[in-house]
Amino acid sequence: MNNAKQITDQLIYRMKNTSLNKFEIKREVGENWLPEGTVPFDIQASKGIAVFEVWAESLQDAEDQVSQYLEKDENE
């Protein structure tokens, strides 16, 4: 698990050394779903669909980030 400093350091490194793009990733979530803990993205959820705005190197990277976040959210 990453702490806030590690996440911040990774983000700063990536912003300095890579080209990031903004992606919108849509995922089905429960009707009453609420994010848990620190949320590393902008999220809008309505009617069981969450839209994550993710800064990433690629669409695959953005998908992976959302998947990791949702898996962590389920385990807590």
C-alpha atoms as a PDB file:
ATOM      1  CA  MET A   1       0.000   0.000   0.000  1.00  0.00           C
ATOM      2  CA  ASN A   2       1.291   3.452  -0.866  1.00  0.00           C
ATOM      3  CA  ASN A   3       1.160   6.312   1.566  1.00  0.00           C
ATOM      4  CA  ALA A   4       0.434   9.916   0.569  1.00  0.00           C
ATOM      5  CA  LYS A   5       4.125  10.867   0.260  1.00  0.00           C
ATOM      6  CA  GLN A   6       4.884   7.916  -2.036  1.00  0.00           C
ATOM      7  CA  ILE A   7       1.886   8.721  -4.235  1.00  0.00           C
ATOM      8  CA  THR A   8       2.898  12.385  -4.403  1.00  0.00           C
ATOM      9  CA  ASP A   9       6.523  11.500  -5.227  1.00  0.00           C
ATOM     10  CA  GLN A  10       5.376   9.110  -7.981  1.00  0.00           C
ATOM     11  CA  LEU A  11       3.051  11.736  -9.445  1.00  0.00           C
ATOM     12  CA  ILE A  12       5.740  14.438  -9.438  1.00  0.00           C
ATOM     13  CA  TYR A  13       8.248  12.061 -11.068  1.00  0.00           C
ATOM     14  CA  ARG A  14       5.734  11.053 -13.744  1.00  0.00           C
ATOM     15  CA  MET A  15       4.762  14.655 -14.480  1.00  0.00           C
ATOM     16  CA  LYS A  16       8.391  15.669 -14.871  1.00  0.00           C
ATOM     17  CA  ASN A  17       9.413  12.685 -16.988  1.00  0.00           C
ATOM     18  CA  THR A  18       6.380  11.640 -19.020  1.00  0.00           C
ATOM     19  CA  SER A  19       3.587  13.079 -21.047  1.00  0.00           C
ATOM     20  CA  LEU A  20       0.292  12.612 -19.222  1.00  0.00           C
ATOM     21  CA  ASN A  21      -3.140  12.814 -20.789  1.00  0.00           C
ATOM     22  CA  LYS A  22      -6.555  13.051 -19.198  1.00  0.00           C
ATOM     23  CA  PHE A  23      -8.852  10.048 -19.665  1.00  0.00           C
ATOM     24  CA  GLU A  24     -12.439   9.428 -18.603  1.00  0.00           C
ATOM     25  CA  ILE A  25     -13.008   5.890 -17.394  1.00  0.00           C
ATOM     26  CA  LYS A  26     -16.571   4.692 -16.777  1.00  0.00           C
ATOM     27  CA  ARG A  27     -17.306   1.804 -14.437  1.00  0.00           C
ATOM     28  CA  GLU A  28     -20.458   0.273 -13.016  1.00  0.00           C
ATOM     29  CA  VAL A  29     -20.668   0.684  -9.258  1.00  0.00           C
ATOM     30  CA  GLY A  30     -23.438   0.040  -6.780  1.00  0.00           C
ATOM     31  CA  GLU A  31     -26.407   2.394  -6.744  1.00  0.00           C
ATOM     32  CA  ASN A  32     -25.359   3.717  -3.298  1.00  0.00           C
ATOM     33  CA  TRP A  33     -21.582   3.411  -3.832  1.00  0.00           C
ATOM     34  CA  LEU A  34     -19.346   5.951  -2.143  1.00  0.00           C
ATOM     35  CA  PRO A  35     -15.545   6.076  -2.478  1.00  0.00           C
ATOM     36  CA  GLU A  36     -13.506   5.129   0.587  1.00  0.00           C
ATOM     37  CA  GLY A  37     -10.323   6.761   1.871  1.00  0.00           C
ATOM     38  CA  THR A  38      -8.098   8.986  -0.235  1.00  0.00           C
ATOM     39  CA  VAL A  39      -9.440   9.393  -3.759  1.00  0.00           C
ATOM     40  CA  PRO A  40      -6.687   9.978  -6.354  1.00  0.00           C
ATOM     41  CA  PHE A  41      -9.112  11.035  -9.118  1.00  0.00           C
ATOM     42  CA  ASP A  42     -12.030  13.320  -9.813  1.00  0.00           C
ATOM     43  CA  ILE A  43     -15.112  11.101  -9.659  1.00  0.00           C
ATOM     44  CA  GLN A  44     -18.731  11.671 -10.592  1.00  0.00           C
ATOM     45  CA  ALA A  45     -21.193   8.901  -9.743  1.00  0.00           C
ATOM     46  CA  SER A  46     -24.830   8.721 -10.710  1.00  0.00           C
ATOM     47  CA  LYS A  47     -27.334   5.898 -11.150  1.00  0.00           C
ATOM     48  CA  GLY A  48     -24.745   3.183 -10.550  1.00  0.00           C
ATOM     49  CA  ILE A  49     -22.156   4.545 -13.018  1.00  0.00           C
ATOM     50  CA  ALA A  50     -18.963   6.257 -11.882  1.00  0.00           C
ATOM     51  CA  VAL A  51     -16.874   8.404 -14.224  1.00  0.00           C
ATOM     52  CA  PHE A  52     -13.226   8.692 -13.166  1.00  0.00           C
ATOM     53  CA  GLU A  53     -11.088  11.501 -14.615  1.00  0.00           C
ATOM     54  CA  VAL A  54      -7.572  10.090 -14.634  1.00  0.00           C
ATOM     55  CA  TRP A  55      -4.245  11.618 -15.679  1.00  0.00           C
ATOM     56  CA  ALA A  56      -2.167   8.804 -17.192  1.00  0.00           C
ATOM     57  CA  GLU A  57       0.377   7.950 -19.868  1.00  0.00           C
ATOM     58  CA  SER A  58      -2.082   5.774 -21.791  1.00  0.00           C
ATOM     59  CA  LEU A  59      -5.646   4.506 -21.733  1.00  0.00           C
ATOM     60  CA  GLN A  60      -4.380   1.165 -20.421  1.00  0.00           C
ATOM     61  CA  ASP A  61      -2.541   2.931 -17.584  1.00  0.00           C
ATOM     62  CA  ALA A  62      -5.718   4.868 -16.717  1.00  0.00           C
ATOM     63  CA  GLU A  63      -7.799   1.653 -16.725  1.00  0.00           C
ATOM     64  CA  ASP A  64      -5.212  -0.034 -14.487  1.00  0.00           C
ATOM     65  CA  GLN A  65      -5.235   2.864 -12.013  1.00  0.00           C
ATOM     66  CA  VAL A  66      -9.023   2.752 -11.712  1.00  0.00           C
ATOM     67  CA  SER A  67      -9.009  -1.045 -11.347  1.00  0.00           C
ATOM     68  CA  GLN A  68      -6.389  -0.878  -8.594  1.00  0.00           C
ATOM     69  CA  TYR A  69      -8.365   1.815  -6.785  1.00  0.00           C
ATOM     70  CA  LEU A  70     -11.629  -0.126  -6.969  1.00  0.00           C
ATOM     71  CA  GLU A  71      -9.951  -3.353  -5.807  1.00  0.00           C
ATOM     72  CA  LYS A  72      -8.455  -1.503  -2.824  1.00  0.00           C
ATOM     73  CA  ASP A  73     -11.834   0.077  -2.106  1.00  0.00           C
ATOM     74  CA  GLU A  74     -13.493  -3.382  -2.019  1.00  0.00           C
ATOM     75  CA  ASN A  75     -10.877  -4.786   0.373  1.00  0.00           C
ATOM     76  CA  GLU A  76     -11.251  -2.038   2.982  1.00  0.00           C
END
